[in-house]
Amino acid sequence: MKNLFFILLISVISCKNKTNDKEEQKFNRSKWVIKEGKNYLYRDKMLNDVVYNIKLKGFRKDSVLQLLGQPDRTDTNYFFYIIDQHFFGDVPVPISTKSLVIKFINDTVEWRKIKE
């Protein structure tokens, strides 16, 4: 019984610490582009503000570029901004990636979503 209580206590503390790690922030262009190694330091904390508070629908491509900078990847009608990646040791390919995907129709934002 003591072991079960100890395991539950550790689980609760772990979950609480993980929640505090992602303190949300307002979008800040200069922080959005800061990268350390392969990861952006602030994007995950600003993601909700970008998705839910900044009305991107109707923005032209040049306005998105001015706001968010160059995307990490592009496809014909899509911009992909890496938000967070996880790697396994020194393997150069990520095992998971979270991205902000923006779709354009006629060079105007149609929608944006979070892809995990």
PDB file of N, CA and C in Angstrom:
ATOM      1  N   MET A   1       0.819  -1.188   0.000  1.00  0.00           N
ATOM      2  CA  MET A   1       0.000   0.000   0.000  1.00  0.00           C
ATOM      3  C   MET A   1       0.867   1.259   0.000  1.00  0.00           C
ATOM      4  N   LYS A   2       1.961   1.232   0.784  1.00  0.00           N
ATOM      5  CA  LYS A   2       2.873   2.370   0.807  1.00  0.00           C
ATOM      6  C   LYS A   2       3.490   2.593  -0.569  1.00  0.00           C
ATOM      7  N   ASN A   3       3.828   1.502  -1.254  1.00  0.00           N
ATOM      8  CA  ASN A   3       4.425   1.622  -2.585  1.00  0.00           C
ATOM      9  C   ASN A   3       3.455   2.271  -3.567  1.00  0.00           C
ATOM     10  N   LEU A   4       2.199   1.870  -3.502  1.00  0.00           N
ATOM     11  CA  LEU A   4       1.183   2.435  -4.385  1.00  0.00           C
ATOM     12  C   LEU A   4       1.029   3.929  -4.120  1.00  0.00           C
ATOM     13  N   PHE A   5       0.983   4.328  -2.864  1.00  0.00           N
ATOM     14  CA  PHE A   5       0.879   5.738  -2.504  1.00  0.00           C
ATOM     15  C   PHE A   5       2.091   6.510  -3.035  1.00  0.00           C
ATOM     16  N   PHE A   6       3.272   5.959  -2.878  1.00  0.00           N
ATOM     17  CA  PHE A   6       4.510   6.601  -3.337  1.00  0.00           C
ATOM     18  C   PHE A   6       4.482   6.785  -4.859  1.00  0.00           C
ATOM     19  N   ILE A   7       4.051   5.769  -5.584  1.00  0.00           N
ATOM     20  CA  ILE A   7       3.983   5.842  -7.051  1.00  0.00           C
ATOM     21  C   ILE A   7       2.981   6.911  -7.478  1.00  0.00           C
ATOM     22  N   LEU A   8       1.820   6.966  -6.824  1.00  0.00           N
ATOM     23  CA  LEU A   8       0.823   7.982  -7.152  1.00  0.00           C
ATOM     24  C   LEU A   8       1.339   9.388  -6.851  1.00  0.00           C
ATOM     25  N   LEU A   9       2.021   9.555  -5.742  1.00  0.00           N
ATOM     26  CA  LEU A   9       2.583  10.854  -5.380  1.00  0.00           C
ATOM     27  C   LEU A   9       3.597  11.312  -6.422  1.00  0.00           C
ATOM     28  N   ILE A  10       4.487  10.435  -6.826  1.00  0.00           N
ATOM     29  CA  ILE A  10       5.499  10.769  -7.846  1.00  0.00           C
ATOM     30  C   ILE A  10       4.808  11.133  -9.164  1.00  0.00           C
ATOM     31  N   SER A  11       3.766  10.406  -9.545  1.00  0.00           N
ATOM     32  CA  SER A  11       3.038  10.685 -10.782  1.00  0.00           C
ATOM     33  C   SER A  11       2.413  12.070 -10.758  1.00  0.00           C
ATOM     34  N   VAL A  12       1.788  12.426  -9.650  1.00  0.00           N
ATOM     35  CA  VAL A  12       1.162  13.743  -9.528  1.00  0.00           C
ATOM     36  C   VAL A  12       2.206  14.846  -9.609  1.00  0.00           C
ATOM     37  N   ILE A  13       3.314  14.686  -8.925  1.00  0.00           N
ATOM     38  CA  ILE A  13       4.391  15.684  -8.963  1.00  0.00           C
ATOM     39  C   ILE A  13       4.941  15.804 -10.372  1.00  0.00           C
ATOM     40  N   SER A  14       5.143  14.698 -11.060  1.00  0.00           N
ATOM     41  CA  SER A  14       5.637  14.695 -12.435  1.00  0.00           C
ATOM     42  C   SER A  14       4.711  15.456 -13.352  1.00  0.00           C
ATOM     43  N   CYS A  15       3.429  15.179 -13.272  1.00  0.00           N
ATOM     44  CA  CYS A  15       2.452  15.839 -14.130  1.00  0.00           C
ATOM     45  C   CYS A  15       2.422  17.332 -13.862  1.00  0.00           C
ATOM     46  N   LYS A  16       2.494  17.711 -12.609  1.00  0.00           N
ATOM     47  CA  LYS A  16       2.478  19.126 -12.252  1.00  0.00           C
ATOM     48  C   LYS A  16       3.692  19.831 -12.832  1.00  0.00           C
ATOM     49  N   ASN A  17       4.862  19.235 -12.756  1.00  0.00           N
ATOM     50  CA  ASN A  17       6.070  19.852 -13.304  1.00  0.00           C
ATOM     51  C   ASN A  17       5.992  19.989 -14.813  1.00  0.00           C
ATOM     52  N   LYS A  18       5.430  19.011 -15.509  1.00  0.00           N
ATOM     53  CA  LYS A  18       5.304  19.090 -16.957  1.00  0.00           C
ATOM     54  C   LYS A  18       4.353  20.212 -17.346  1.00  0.00           C
ATOM     55  N   THR A  19       3.297  20.410 -16.608  1.00  0.00           N
ATOM     56  CA  THR A  19       2.352  21.477 -16.890  1.00  0.00           C
ATOM     57  C   THR A  19       3.024  22.831 -16.746  1.00  0.00           C
ATOM     58  N   ASN A  20       3.838  23.016 -15.734  1.00  0.00           N
ATOM     59  CA  ASN A  20       4.504  24.289 -15.506  1.00  0.00           C
ATOM     60  C   ASN A  20       5.578  24.578 -16.533  1.00  0.00           C
ATOM     61  N   ASP A  21       6.115  23.544 -17.188  1.00  0.00           N
ATOM     62  CA  ASP A  21       7.156  23.741 -18.188  1.00  0.00           C
ATOM     63  C   ASP A  21       6.646  24.530 -19.387  1.00  0.00           C
ATOM     64  N   LYS A  22       5.365  24.398 -19.722  1.00  0.00           N
ATOM     65  CA  LYS A  22       4.821  25.072 -20.889  1.00  0.00           C
ATOM     66  C   LYS A  22       3.992  26.273 -20.468  1.00  0.00           C
ATOM     67  N   GLU A  23       4.637  27.265 -19.955  1.00  0.00           N
ATOM     68  CA  GLU A  23       3.963  28.502 -19.584  1.00  0.00           C
ATOM     69  C   GLU A  23       3.700  29.280 -20.866  1.00  0.00           C
ATOM     70  N   GLU A  24       2.434  29.525 -21.163  1.00  0.00           N
ATOM     71  CA  GLU A  24       2.077  30.181 -22.413  1.00  0.00           C
ATOM     72  C   GLU A  24       2.531  31.632 -22.423  1.00  0.00           C
ATOM     73  N   GLN A  25       2.860  32.100 -23.634  1.00  0.00           N
ATOM     74  CA  GLN A  25       3.315  33.469 -23.836  1.00  0.00           C
ATOM     75  C   GLN A  25       2.581  34.081 -25.020  1.00  0.00           C
ATOM     76  N   LYS A  26       2.503  35.392 -25.034  1.00  0.00           N
ATOM     77  CA  LYS A  26       1.981  36.121 -26.185  1.00  0.00           C
ATOM     78  C   LYS A  26       3.010  36.004 -27.315  1.00  0.00           C
ATOM     79  N   PHE A  27       2.516  36.067 -28.553  1.00  0.00           N
ATOM     80  CA  PHE A  27       3.405  35.997 -29.704  1.00  0.00           C
ATOM     81  C   PHE A  27       4.375  37.166 -29.691  1.00  0.00           C
ATOM     82  N   ASN A  28       5.641  36.850 -29.973  1.00  0.00           N
ATOM     83  CA  ASN A  28       6.702  37.847 -30.067  1.00  0.00           C
ATOM     84  C   ASN A  28       7.589  37.415 -31.230  1.00  0.00           C
ATOM     85  N   ARG A  29       7.591  38.198 -32.297  1.00  0.00           N
ATOM     86  CA  ARG A  29       8.314  37.833 -33.530  1.00  0.00           C
ATOM     87  C   ARG A  29       9.780  37.536 -33.266  1.00  0.00           C
ATOM     88  N   SER A  30      10.450  38.338 -32.466  1.00  0.00           N
ATOM     89  CA  SER A  30      11.883  38.137 -32.237  1.00  0.00           C
ATOM     90  C   SER A  30      12.155  36.836 -31.470  1.00  0.00           C
ATOM     91  N   LYS A  31      11.258  36.433 -30.566  1.00  0.00           N
ATOM     92  CA  LYS A  31      11.423  35.167 -29.842  1.00  0.00           C
ATOM     93  C   LYS A  31      11.022  33.972 -30.710  1.00  0.00           C
ATOM     94  N   TRP A  32      10.020  34.144 -31.573  1.00  0.00           N
ATOM     95  CA  TRP A  32       9.510  33.076 -32.435  1.00  0.00           C
ATOM     96  C   TRP A  32      10.625  32.439 -33.263  1.00  0.00           C
ATOM     97  N   VAL A  33      11.584  33.225 -33.694  1.00  0.00           N
ATOM     98  CA  VAL A  33      12.635  32.720 -34.594  1.00  0.00           C
ATOM     99  C   VAL A  33      13.879  32.208 -33.864  1.00  0.00           C
ATOM    100  N   ILE A  34      13.941  32.341 -32.543  1.00  0.00           N
ATOM    101  CA  ILE A  34      15.128  31.904 -31.789  1.00  0.00           C
ATOM    102  C   ILE A  34      15.202  30.382 -31.770  1.00  0.00           C
ATOM    103  N   LYS A  35      16.329  29.891 -32.226  1.00  0.00           N
ATOM    104  CA  LYS A  35      16.536  28.446 -32.338  1.00  0.00           C
ATOM    105  C   LYS A  35      17.823  28.067 -31.618  1.00  0.00           C
ATOM    106  N   GLU A  36      17.767  26.977 -30.867  1.00  0.00           N
ATOM    107  CA  GLU A  36      18.957  26.440 -30.207  1.00  0.00           C
ATOM    108  C   GLU A  36      19.142  25.013 -30.702  1.00  0.00           C
ATOM    109  N   GLY A  37      20.190  24.783 -31.453  1.00  0.00           N
ATOM    110  CA  GLY A  37      20.381  23.472 -32.068  1.00  0.00           C
ATOM    111  C   GLY A  37      19.289  23.230 -33.081  1.00  0.00           C
ATOM    112  N   LYS A  38      18.509  22.183 -32.884  1.00  0.00           N
ATOM    113  CA  LYS A  38      17.435  21.835 -33.817  1.00  0.00           C
ATOM    114  C   LYS A  38      16.069  22.320 -33.342  1.00  0.00           C
ATOM    115  N   ASN A  39      16.000  22.929 -32.158  1.00  0.00           N
ATOM    116  CA  ASN A  39      14.707  23.290 -31.576  1.00  0.00           C
ATOM    117  C   ASN A  39      14.533  24.788 -31.405  1.00  0.00           C
ATOM    118  N   TYR A  40      13.293  25.221 -31.607  1.00  0.00           N
ATOM    119  CA  TYR A  40      12.915  26.603 -31.340  1.00  0.00           C
ATOM    120  C   TYR A  40      12.552  26.704 -29.866  1.00  0.00           C
ATOM    121  N   LEU A  41      13.086  27.707 -29.204  1.00  0.00           N
ATOM    122  CA  LEU A  41      12.942  27.799 -27.754  1.00  0.00           C
ATOM    123  C   LEU A  41      11.568  28.268 -27.283  1.00  0.00           C
ATOM    124  N   TYR A  42      10.880  29.100 -28.067  1.00  0.00           N
ATOM    125  CA  TYR A  42       9.654  29.727 -27.565  1.00  0.00           C
ATOM    126  C   TYR A  42       8.391  29.389 -28.346  1.00  0.00           C
ATOM    127  N   ARG A  43       8.504  28.747 -29.490  1.00  0.00           N
ATOM    128  CA  ARG A  43       7.332  28.530 -30.342  1.00  0.00           C
ATOM    129  C   ARG A  43       6.210  27.771 -29.651  1.00  0.00           C
ATOM    130  N   ASP A  44       6.539  26.726 -28.918  1.00  0.00           N
ATOM    131  CA  ASP A  44       5.486  25.937 -28.269  1.00  0.00           C
ATOM    132  C   ASP A  44       4.721  26.774 -27.250  1.00  0.00           C
ATOM    133  N   LYS A  45       5.402  27.684 -26.591  1.00  0.00           N
ATOM    134  CA  LYS A  45       4.757  28.535 -25.594  1.00  0.00           C
ATOM    135  C   LYS A  45       3.865  29.599 -26.238  1.00  0.00           C
ATOM    136  N   MET A  46       4.162  29.969 -27.494  1.00  0.00           N
ATOM    137  CA  MET A  46       3.405  31.007 -28.197  1.00  0.00           C
ATOM    138  C   MET A  46       2.356  30.445 -29.142  1.00  0.00           C
ATOM    139  N   LEU A  47       2.358  29.139 -29.349  1.00  0.00           N
ATOM    140  CA  LEU A  47       1.512  28.519 -30.361  1.00  0.00           C
ATOM    141  C   LEU A  47       0.031  28.836 -30.181  1.00  0.00           C
ATOM    142  N   ASN A  48      -0.494  28.714 -28.987  1.00  0.00           N
ATOM    143  CA  ASN A  48      -1.918  28.998 -28.771  1.00  0.00           C
ATOM    144  C   ASN A  48      -2.273  30.437 -29.132  1.00  0.00           C
ATOM    145  N   ASP A  49      -1.397  31.372 -28.830  1.00  0.00           N
ATOM    146  CA  ASP A  49      -1.656  32.767 -29.174  1.00  0.00           C
ATOM    147  C   ASP A  49      -1.700  32.944 -30.690  1.00  0.00           C
ATOM    148  N   VAL A  50      -0.774  32.307 -31.400  1.00  0.00           N
ATOM    149  CA  VAL A  50      -0.743  32.405 -32.869  1.00  0.00           C
ATOM    150  C   VAL A  50      -1.996  31.782 -33.476  1.00  0.00           C
ATOM    151  N   VAL A  51      -2.384  30.611 -32.990  1.00  0.00           N
ATOM    152  CA  VAL A  51      -3.507  29.886 -33.579  1.00  0.00           C
ATOM    153  C   VAL A  51      -4.859  30.487 -33.192  1.00  0.00           C
ATOM    154  N   TYR A  52      -5.034  30.872 -31.945  1.00  0.00           N
ATOM    155  CA  TYR A  52      -6.353  31.268 -31.468  1.00  0.00           C
ATOM    156  C   TYR A  52      -6.585  32.780 -31.343  1.00  0.00           C
ATOM    157  N   ASN A  53      -5.536  33.570 -31.295  1.00  0.00           N
ATOM    158  CA  ASN A  53      -5.722  35.005 -31.091  1.00  0.00           C
ATOM    159  C   ASN A  53      -5.339  35.862 -32.293  1.00  0.00           C
ATOM    160  N   ILE A  54      -4.460  35.371 -33.144  1.00  0.00           N
ATOM    161  CA  ILE A  54      -4.072  36.125 -34.340  1.00  0.00           C
ATOM    162  C   ILE A  54      -4.910  35.602 -35.500  1.00  0.00           C
ATOM    163  N   LYS A  55      -5.706  36.440 -36.073  1.00  0.00           N
ATOM    164  CA  LYS A  55      -6.606  36.046 -37.164  1.00  0.00           C
ATOM    165  C   LYS A  55      -5.813  35.970 -38.469  1.00  0.00           C
ATOM    166  N   LEU A  56      -5.267  34.778 -38.767  1.00  0.00           N
ATOM    167  CA  LEU A  56      -4.453  34.604 -39.967  1.00  0.00           C
ATOM    168  C   LEU A  56      -5.284  34.438 -41.236  1.00  0.00           C
ATOM    169  N   LYS A  57      -6.508  33.944 -41.109  1.00  0.00           N
ATOM    170  CA  LYS A  57      -7.333  33.706 -42.294  1.00  0.00           C
ATOM    171  C   LYS A  57      -7.494  35.017 -43.068  1.00  0.00           C
ATOM    172  N   GLY A  58      -7.188  34.940 -44.366  1.00  0.00           N
ATOM    173  CA  GLY A  58      -7.249  36.124 -45.213  1.00  0.00           C
ATOM    174  C   GLY A  58      -5.912  36.825 -45.378  1.00  0.00           C
ATOM    175  N   PHE A  59      -4.915  36.497 -44.544  1.00  0.00           N
ATOM    176  CA  PHE A  59      -3.576  37.074 -44.696  1.00  0.00           C
ATOM    177  C   PHE A  59      -2.980  36.608 -46.026  1.00  0.00           C
ATOM    178  N   ARG A  60      -2.237  37.457 -46.675  1.00  0.00           N
ATOM    179  CA  ARG A  60      -1.504  37.098 -47.879  1.00  0.00           C
ATOM    180  C   ARG A  60      -0.180  36.447 -47.455  1.00  0.00           C
ATOM    181  N   LYS A  61       0.439  35.699 -48.367  1.00  0.00           N
ATOM    182  CA  LYS A  61       1.699  35.006 -48.047  1.00  0.00           C
ATOM    183  C   LYS A  61       2.755  35.976 -47.540  1.00  0.00           C
ATOM    184  N   ASP A  62       2.889  37.131 -48.189  1.00  0.00           N
ATOM    185  CA  ASP A  62       3.916  38.084 -47.768  1.00  0.00           C
ATOM    186  C   ASP A  62       3.663  38.599 -46.346  1.00  0.00           C
ATOM    187  N   SER A  63       2.399  38.725 -45.957  1.00  0.00           N
ATOM    188  CA  SER A  63       2.071  39.154 -44.588  1.00  0.00           C
ATOM    189  C   SER A  63       2.417  38.069 -43.576  1.00  0.00           C
ATOM    190  N   VAL A  64       2.180  36.798 -43.930  1.00  0.00           N
ATOM    191  CA  VAL A  64       2.540  35.679 -43.051  1.00  0.00           C
ATOM    192  C   VAL A  64       4.049  35.632 -42.890  1.00  0.00           C
ATOM    193  N   LEU A  65       4.773  35.805 -43.989  1.00  0.00           N
ATOM    194  CA  LEU A  65       6.243  35.805 -43.920  1.00  0.00           C
ATOM    195  C   LEU A  65       6.751  36.946 -43.049  1.00  0.00           C
ATOM    196  N   GLN A  66       6.123  38.092 -43.156  1.00  0.00           N
ATOM    197  CA  GLN A  66       6.516  39.235 -42.334  1.00  0.00           C
ATOM    198  C   GLN A  66       6.260  38.958 -40.856  1.00  0.00           C
ATOM    199  N   LEU A  67       5.148  38.302 -40.561  1.00  0.00           N
ATOM    200  CA  LEU A  67       4.775  38.010 -39.174  1.00  0.00           C
ATOM    201  C   LEU A  67       5.592  36.863 -38.587  1.00  0.00           C
ATOM    202  N   LEU A  68       5.648  35.709 -39.286  1.00  0.00           N
ATOM    203  CA  LEU A  68       6.239  34.490 -38.730  1.00  0.00           C
ATOM    204  C   LEU A  68       7.640  34.169 -39.265  1.00  0.00           C
ATOM    205  N   GLY A  69       8.097  34.870 -40.289  1.00  0.00           N
ATOM    206  CA  GLY A  69       9.396  34.573 -40.871  1.00  0.00           C
ATOM    207  C   GLY A  69       9.301  33.423 -41.863  1.00  0.00           C
ATOM    208  N   GLN A  70      10.449  32.985 -42.346  1.00  0.00           N
ATOM    209  CA  GLN A  70      10.495  31.897 -43.314  1.00  0.00           C
ATOM    210  C   GLN A  70      10.032  30.591 -42.676  1.00  0.00           C
ATOM    211  N   PRO A  71       9.195  29.837 -43.366  1.00  0.00           N
ATOM    212  CA  PRO A  71       8.777  28.536 -42.843  1.00  0.00           C
ATOM    213  C   PRO A  71       9.928  27.543 -42.894  1.00  0.00           C
ATOM    214  N   ASP A  72       9.853  26.497 -42.103  1.00  0.00           N
ATOM    215  CA  ASP A  72      10.877  25.460 -42.098  1.00  0.00           C
ATOM    216  C   ASP A  72      10.759  24.571 -43.333  1.00  0.00           C
ATOM    217  N   ARG A  73       9.561  24.517 -43.879  1.00  0.00           N
ATOM    218  CA  ARG A  73       9.329  23.729 -45.085  1.00  0.00           C
ATOM    219  C   ARG A  73       8.132  24.315 -45.811  1.00  0.00           C
ATOM    220  N   THR A  74       8.145  24.208 -47.136  1.00  0.00           N
ATOM    221  CA  THR A  74       7.001  24.645 -47.927  1.00  0.00           C
ATOM    222  C   THR A  74       6.602  23.535 -48.895  1.00  0.00           C
ATOM    223  N   ASP A  75       5.351  23.573 -49.275  1.00  0.00           N
ATOM    224  CA  ASP A  75       4.823  22.715 -50.314  1.00  0.00           C
ATOM    225  C   ASP A  75       4.001  23.667 -51.186  1.00  0.00           C
ATOM    226  N   THR A  76       3.477  23.215 -52.265  1.00  0.00           N
ATOM    227  CA  THR A  76       2.799  24.089 -53.210  1.00  0.00           C
ATOM    228  C   THR A  76       1.927  25.150 -52.543  1.00  0.00           C
ATOM    229  N   ASN A  77       1.006  24.761 -51.708  1.00  0.00           N
ATOM    230  CA  ASN A  77       0.085  25.710 -51.071  1.00  0.00           C
ATOM    231  C   ASN A  77       0.156  25.690 -49.550  1.00  0.00           C
ATOM    232  N   TYR A  78       1.275  25.264 -49.006  1.00  0.00           N
ATOM    233  CA  TYR A  78       1.393  25.109 -47.557  1.00  0.00           C
ATOM    234  C   TYR A  78       2.708  25.677 -47.033  1.00  0.00           C
ATOM    235  N   PHE A  79       2.640  26.259 -45.848  1.00  0.00           N
ATOM    236  CA  PHE A  79       3.825  26.610 -45.061  1.00  0.00           C
ATOM    237  C   PHE A  79       3.814  25.699 -43.838  1.00  0.00           C
ATOM    238  N   PHE A  80       4.992  25.214 -43.447  1.00  0.00           N
ATOM    239  CA  PHE A  80       5.143  24.381 -42.258  1.00  0.00           C
ATOM    240  C   PHE A  80       6.154  25.047 -41.327  1.00  0.00           C
ATOM    241  N   TYR A  81       5.721  25.358 -40.116  1.00  0.00           N
ATOM    242  CA  TYR A  81       6.602  25.919 -39.089  1.00  0.00           C
ATOM    243  C   TYR A  81       6.776  24.874 -37.993  1.00  0.00           C
ATOM    244  N   ILE A  82       8.010  24.422 -37.793  1.00  0.00           N
ATOM    245  CA  ILE A  82       8.266  23.452 -36.728  1.00  0.00           C
ATOM    246  C   ILE A  82       8.071  24.142 -35.387  1.00  0.00           C
ATOM    247  N   ILE A  83       7.309  23.495 -34.528  1.00  0.00           N
ATOM    248  CA  ILE A  83       7.056  24.015 -33.185  1.00  0.00           C
ATOM    249  C   ILE A  83       7.948  23.292 -32.184  1.00  0.00           C
ATOM    250  N   ASP A  84       7.972  21.965 -32.275  1.00  0.00           N
ATOM    251  CA  ASP A  84       8.739  21.162 -31.319  1.00  0.00           C
ATOM    252  C   ASP A  84       9.110  19.837 -31.984  1.00  0.00           C
ATOM    253  N   GLN A  85      10.307  19.348 -31.691  1.00  0.00           N
ATOM    254  CA  GLN A  85      10.758  18.055 -32.200  1.00  0.00           C
ATOM    255  C   GLN A  85      11.446  17.287 -31.087  1.00  0.00           C
ATOM    256  N   HIS A  86      11.334  15.976 -31.163  1.00  0.00           N
ATOM    257  CA  HIS A  86      12.020  15.116 -30.203  1.00  0.00           C
ATOM    258  C   HIS A  86      12.880  14.132 -30.977  1.00  0.00           C
ATOM    259  N   PHE A  87      14.100  13.978 -30.511  1.00  0.00           N
ATOM    260  CA  PHE A  87      15.064  13.098 -31.157  1.00  0.00           C
ATOM    261  C   PHE A  87      15.448  11.979 -30.218  1.00  0.00           C
ATOM    262  N   PHE A  88      15.864  10.872 -30.779  1.00  0.00           N
ATOM    263  CA  PHE A  88      16.355   9.741 -29.998  1.00  0.00           C
ATOM    264  C   PHE A  88      17.868   9.730 -30.102  1.00  0.00           C
ATOM    265  N   GLY A  89      18.531  10.149 -29.034  1.00  0.00           N
ATOM    266  CA  GLY A  89      19.995  10.178 -29.011  1.00  0.00           C
ATOM    267  C   GLY A  89      20.560  11.025 -30.131  1.00  0.00           C
ATOM    268  N   ASP A  90      21.540  10.492 -30.833  1.00  0.00           N
ATOM    269  CA  ASP A  90      22.213  11.218 -31.907  1.00  0.00           C
ATOM    270  C   ASP A  90      21.608  10.971 -33.277  1.00  0.00           C
ATOM    271  N   VAL A  91      20.501  10.256 -33.326  1.00  0.00           N
ATOM    272  CA  VAL A  91      19.857   9.977 -34.609  1.00  0.00           C
ATOM    273  C   VAL A  91      19.348  11.306 -35.177  1.00  0.00           C
ATOM    274  N   PRO A  92      19.737  11.666 -36.417  1.00  0.00           N
ATOM    275  CA  PRO A  92      19.394  12.982 -36.968  1.00  0.00           C
ATOM    276  C   PRO A  92      17.935  13.147 -37.400  1.00  0.00           C
ATOM    277  N   VAL A  93      17.183  12.071 -37.428  1.00  0.00           N
ATOM    278  CA  VAL A  93      15.777  12.136 -37.839  1.00  0.00           C
ATOM    279  C   VAL A  93      14.900  12.204 -36.581  1.00  0.00           C
ATOM    280  N   PRO A  94      13.977  13.176 -36.507  1.00  0.00           N
ATOM    281  CA  PRO A  94      13.134  13.275 -35.310  1.00  0.00           C
ATOM    282  C   PRO A  94      12.173  12.100 -35.179  1.00  0.00           C
ATOM    283  N   ILE A  95      11.907  11.698 -33.927  1.00  0.00           N
ATOM    284  CA  ILE A  95      10.941  10.624 -33.696  1.00  0.00           C
ATOM    285  C   ILE A  95       9.523  11.201 -33.583  1.00  0.00           C
ATOM    286  N   SER A  96       9.416  12.493 -33.289  1.00  0.00           N
ATOM    287  CA  SER A  96       8.116  13.161 -33.303  1.00  0.00           C
ATOM    288  C   SER A  96       8.317  14.644 -33.605  1.00  0.00           C
ATOM    289  N   THR A  97       7.347  15.210 -34.298  1.00  0.00           N
ATOM    290  CA  THR A  97       7.404  16.630 -34.664  1.00  0.00           C
ATOM    291  C   THR A  97       6.022  17.239 -34.512  1.00  0.00           C
ATOM    292  N   LYS A  98       5.977  18.425 -33.930  1.00  0.00           N
ATOM    293  CA  LYS A  98       4.740  19.212 -33.842  1.00  0.00           C
ATOM    294  C   LYS A  98       4.963  20.422 -34.743  1.00  0.00           C
ATOM    295  N   SER A  99       4.006  20.682 -35.640  1.00  0.00           N
ATOM    296  CA  SER A  99       4.149  21.778 -36.600  1.00  0.00           C
ATOM    297  C   SER A  99       2.891  22.626 -36.671  1.00  0.00           C
ATOM    298  N   LEU A 100       3.074  23.875 -37.059  1.00  0.00           N
ATOM    299  CA  LEU A 100       1.981  24.751 -37.437  1.00  0.00           C
ATOM    300  C   LEU A 100       1.916  24.685 -38.952  1.00  0.00           C
ATOM    301  N   VAL A 101       0.770  24.268 -39.488  1.00  0.00           N
ATOM    302  CA  VAL A 101       0.586  24.152 -40.932  1.00  0.00           C
ATOM    303  C   VAL A 101      -0.382  25.238 -41.365  1.00  0.00           C
ATOM    304  N   ILE A 102       0.008  25.987 -42.399  1.00  0.00           N
ATOM    305  CA  ILE A 102      -0.839  27.050 -42.938  1.00  0.00           C
ATOM    306  C   ILE A 102      -1.107  26.734 -44.406  1.00  0.00           C
ATOM    307  N   LYS A 103      -2.399  26.682 -44.777  1.00  0.00           N
ATOM    308  CA  LYS A 103      -2.778  26.393 -46.154  1.00  0.00           C
ATOM    309  C   LYS A 103      -3.212  27.681 -46.846  1.00  0.00           C
ATOM    310  N   PHE A 104      -2.722  27.837 -48.074  1.00  0.00           N
ATOM    311  CA  PHE A 104      -3.058  29.002 -48.881  1.00  0.00           C
ATOM    312  C   PHE A 104      -3.907  28.595 -50.079  1.00  0.00           C
ATOM    313  N   ILE A 105      -4.841  29.450 -50.434  1.00  0.00           N
ATOM    314  CA  ILE A 105      -5.567  29.351 -51.699  1.00  0.00           C
ATOM    315  C   ILE A 105      -5.444  30.721 -52.356  1.00  0.00           C
ATOM    316  N   ASN A 106      -4.913  30.739 -53.576  1.00  0.00           N
ATOM    317  CA  ASN A 106      -4.659  32.005 -54.285  1.00  0.00           C
ATOM    318  C   ASN A 106      -3.807  32.958 -53.445  1.00  0.00           C
ATOM    319  N   ASP A 107      -2.755  32.416 -52.821  1.00  0.00           N
ATOM    320  CA  ASP A 107      -1.815  33.189 -51.988  1.00  0.00           C
ATOM    321  C   ASP A 107      -2.447  33.849 -50.770  1.00  0.00           C
ATOM    322  N   THR A 108      -3.609  33.351 -50.336  1.00  0.00           N
ATOM    323  CA  THR A 108      -4.291  33.878 -49.151  1.00  0.00           C
ATOM    324  C   THR A 108      -4.543  32.722 -48.185  1.00  0.00           C
ATOM    325  N   VAL A 109      -4.344  32.974 -46.883  1.00  0.00           N
ATOM    326  CA  VAL A 109      -4.525  31.921 -45.885  1.00  0.00           C
ATOM    327  C   VAL A 109      -5.970  31.430 -45.893  1.00  0.00           C
ATOM    328  N   GLU A 110      -6.118  30.129 -46.088  1.00  0.00           N
ATOM    329  CA  GLU A 110      -7.427  29.479 -46.024  1.00  0.00           C
ATOM    330  C   GLU A 110      -7.666  28.954 -44.611  1.00  0.00           C
ATOM    331  N   TRP A 111      -6.655  28.268 -44.031  1.00  0.00           N
ATOM    332  CA  TRP A 111      -6.743  27.757 -42.665  1.00  0.00           C
ATOM    333  C   TRP A 111      -5.356  27.519 -42.117  1.00  0.00           C
ATOM    334  N   ARG A 112      -5.315  27.315 -40.797  1.00  0.00           N
ATOM    335  CA  ARG A 112      -4.074  26.902 -40.113  1.00  0.00           C
ATOM    336  C   ARG A 112      -4.461  25.881 -39.075  1.00  0.00           C
ATOM    337  N   LYS A 113      -3.547  24.942 -38.836  1.00  0.00           N
ATOM    338  CA  LYS A 113      -3.809  23.913 -37.825  1.00  0.00           C
ATOM    339  C   LYS A 113      -2.499  23.430 -37.234  1.00  0.00           C
ATOM    340  N   ILE A 114      -2.637  22.752 -36.112  1.00  0.00           N
ATOM    341  CA  ILE A 114      -1.493  22.157 -35.434  1.00  0.00           C
ATOM    342  C   ILE A 114      -1.436  20.695 -35.845  1.00  0.00           C
ATOM    343  N   LYS A 115      -0.293  20.265 -36.325  1.00  0.00           N
ATOM    344  CA  LYS A 115      -0.101  18.862 -36.728  1.00  0.00           C
ATOM    345  C   LYS A 115       0.907  18.230 -35.780  1.00  0.00           C
ATOM    346  N   GLU A 116       0.489  17.139 -35.151  1.00  0.00           N
ATOM    347  CA  GLU A 116       1.400  16.431 -34.225  1.00  0.00           C
ATOM    348  C   GLU A 116       1.646  15.035 -34.711  1.00  0.00           C
TER     349      GLU A 116
END
